[in-house]
């Protein structure tokens, strides 16, 4: 059976995609190292307290999800107000 001429080109697209993902993973790792080192330096100098960065990150995460929560609560309340058959 003869393969189409686009098959090898398609394979290289997957190789390029895998390489791009590997580059992103490397950048992510280096960024996490930098943030961790920065947090440790700030704690060592007494600028922030132990665990303060984690607390702030958790608060930011909750705040980012905030706009989604009222919509869910509204649906739940609306469902509880429906007349039952």
C-alpha atoms as a PDB file:
ATOM      1  CA  UNK A   1       0.000   0.000   0.000  1.00  0.00           C
ATOM      2  CA  UNK A   2       1.271   3.455  -0.855  1.00  0.00           C
ATOM      3  CA  UNK A   3       1.363   6.151   1.840  1.00  0.00           C
ATOM      4  CA  UNK A   4       0.229   9.628   1.030  1.00  0.00           C
ATOM      5  CA  UNK A   5       2.908  12.277   0.692  1.00  0.00           C
ATOM      6  CA  UNK A   6       1.417  14.282   3.564  1.00  0.00           C
ATOM      7  CA  UNK A   7       2.063  11.549   6.178  1.00  0.00           C
ATOM      8  CA  UNK A   8       5.757  12.402   6.772  1.00  0.00           C
ATOM      9  CA  UNK A   9       4.953  16.104   6.988  1.00  0.00           C
ATOM     10  CA  UNK A  10       2.227  15.363   9.489  1.00  0.00           C
ATOM     11  CA  UNK A  11       4.667  13.375  11.623  1.00  0.00           C
ATOM     12  CA  UNK A  12       7.014  16.373  11.785  1.00  0.00           C
ATOM     13  CA  UNK A  13       4.116  18.505  13.029  1.00  0.00           C
ATOM     14  CA  UNK A  14       3.784  16.162  15.997  1.00  0.00           C
ATOM     15  CA  UNK A  15       7.535  16.315  16.612  1.00  0.00           C
ATOM     16  CA  UNK A  16       7.399  20.118  16.566  1.00  0.00           C
ATOM     17  CA  UNK A  17       4.433  20.080  18.935  1.00  0.00           C
ATOM     18  CA  UNK A  18       6.229  17.758  21.348  1.00  0.00           C
ATOM     19  CA  UNK A  19       9.302  20.007  21.257  1.00  0.00           C
ATOM     20  CA  UNK A  20       7.183  23.073  21.982  1.00  0.00           C
ATOM     21  CA  UNK A  21       5.585  21.318  24.965  1.00  0.00           C
ATOM     22  CA  UNK A  22       9.028  20.325  26.253  1.00  0.00           C
ATOM     23  CA  UNK A  23      10.172  23.957  25.980  1.00  0.00           C
ATOM     24  CA  UNK A  24       7.096  25.123  27.907  1.00  0.00           C
ATOM     25  CA  UNK A  25       7.749  22.559  30.630  1.00  0.00           C
ATOM     26  CA  UNK A  26      11.335  23.770  30.951  1.00  0.00           C
ATOM     27  CA  UNK A  27      10.189  27.406  31.203  1.00  0.00           C
ATOM     28  CA  UNK A  28       7.575  26.449  33.782  1.00  0.00           C
ATOM     29  CA  UNK A  29      10.158  24.603  35.882  1.00  0.00           C
ATOM     30  CA  UNK A  30      12.582  27.546  35.803  1.00  0.00           C
ATOM     31  CA  UNK A  31       9.795  29.978  36.712  1.00  0.00           C
ATOM     32  CA  UNK A  32       8.791  27.837  39.691  1.00  0.00           C
ATOM     33  CA  UNK A  33      12.413  27.735  40.842  1.00  0.00           C
ATOM     34  CA  UNK A  34      12.660  31.525  40.618  1.00  0.00           C
ATOM     35  CA  UNK A  35       9.398  32.074  42.521  1.00  0.00           C
ATOM     36  CA  UNK A  36      10.455  29.588  45.204  1.00  0.00           C
ATOM     37  CA  UNK A  37      13.837  31.259  45.612  1.00  0.00           C
ATOM     38  CA  UNK A  38      12.185  34.675  45.797  1.00  0.00           C
ATOM     39  CA  UNK A  39       9.738  33.484  48.453  1.00  0.00           C
ATOM     40  CA  UNK A  40      12.556  31.986  50.526  1.00  0.00           C
ATOM     41  CA  UNK A  41      14.590  35.194  50.253  1.00  0.00           C
ATOM     42  CA  UNK A  42      11.624  37.323  51.334  1.00  0.00           C
ATOM     43  CA  UNK A  43      10.949  35.046  54.309  1.00  0.00           C
ATOM     44  CA  UNK A  44      14.634  35.027  55.304  1.00  0.00           C
ATOM     45  CA  UNK A  45      14.700  38.832  55.313  1.00  0.00           C
ATOM     46  CA  UNK A  46      11.484  39.029  57.328  1.00  0.00           C
ATOM     47  CA  UNK A  47       9.540  40.802  54.570  1.00  0.00           C
ATOM     48  CA  UNK A  48       6.858  38.106  54.623  1.00  0.00           C
ATOM     49  CA  UNK A  49       6.039  35.568  57.286  1.00  0.00           C
ATOM     50  CA  UNK A  50       6.211  31.800  56.904  1.00  0.00           C
ATOM     51  CA  UNK A  51       3.222  30.569  54.923  1.00  0.00           C
ATOM     52  CA  UNK A  52       2.071  34.088  54.045  1.00  0.00           C
ATOM     53  CA  UNK A  53       2.732  33.526  50.361  1.00  0.00           C
ATOM     54  CA  UNK A  54       0.643  30.341  50.431  1.00  0.00           C
ATOM     55  CA  UNK A  55      -2.192  32.187  52.168  1.00  0.00           C
ATOM     56  CA  UNK A  56      -2.134  34.975  49.619  1.00  0.00           C
ATOM     57  CA  UNK A  57      -2.048  32.495  46.729  1.00  0.00           C
ATOM     58  CA  UNK A  58      -5.058  30.663  48.169  1.00  0.00           C
ATOM     59  CA  UNK A  59      -6.927  33.968  48.539  1.00  0.00           C
ATOM     60  CA  UNK A  60      -6.138  34.950  44.950  1.00  0.00           C
ATOM     61  CA  UNK A  61      -7.338  31.554  43.776  1.00  0.00           C
ATOM     62  CA  UNK A  62     -10.621  31.960  45.665  1.00  0.00           C
ATOM     63  CA  UNK A  63     -11.051  35.496  44.321  1.00  0.00           C
ATOM     64  CA  UNK A  64     -10.434  34.306  40.764  1.00  0.00           C
ATOM     65  CA  UNK A  65     -13.202  31.730  41.145  1.00  0.00           C
ATOM     66  CA  UNK A  66     -15.501  34.242  42.839  1.00  0.00           C
ATOM     67  CA  UNK A  67     -17.486  35.313  39.770  1.00  0.00           C
ATOM     68  CA  UNK A  68     -18.304  31.669  39.052  1.00  0.00           C
ATOM     69  CA  UNK A  69     -19.639  30.855  42.513  1.00  0.00           C
ATOM     70  CA  UNK A  70     -22.713  33.128  42.623  1.00  0.00           C
ATOM     71  CA  UNK A  71     -23.908  31.661  39.331  1.00  0.00           C
ATOM     72  CA  UNK A  72     -23.759  28.155  40.788  1.00  0.00           C
ATOM     73  CA  UNK A  73     -25.513  29.286  43.961  1.00  0.00           C
ATOM     74  CA  UNK A  74     -28.221  31.017  41.922  1.00  0.00           C
ATOM     75  CA  UNK A  75     -28.862  27.817  39.985  1.00  0.00           C
ATOM     76  CA  UNK A  76     -29.067  25.813  43.196  1.00  0.00           C
ATOM     77  CA  UNK A  77     -31.518  28.282  44.734  1.00  0.00           C
ATOM     78  CA  UNK A  78     -33.606  28.361  41.568  1.00  0.00           C
ATOM     79  CA  UNK A  79     -33.740  24.589  41.526  1.00  0.00           C
ATOM     80  CA  UNK A  80     -34.850  24.486  45.164  1.00  0.00           C
ATOM     81  CA  UNK A  81     -37.701  26.938  44.466  1.00  0.00           C
ATOM     82  CA  UNK A  82     -39.202  24.910  41.649  1.00  0.00           C
ATOM     83  CA  UNK A  83     -42.615  23.517  42.451  1.00  0.00           C
ATOM     84  CA  UNK A  84     -42.617  19.788  42.922  1.00  0.00           C
ATOM     85  CA  UNK A  85     -45.036  17.631  41.031  1.00  0.00           C
END
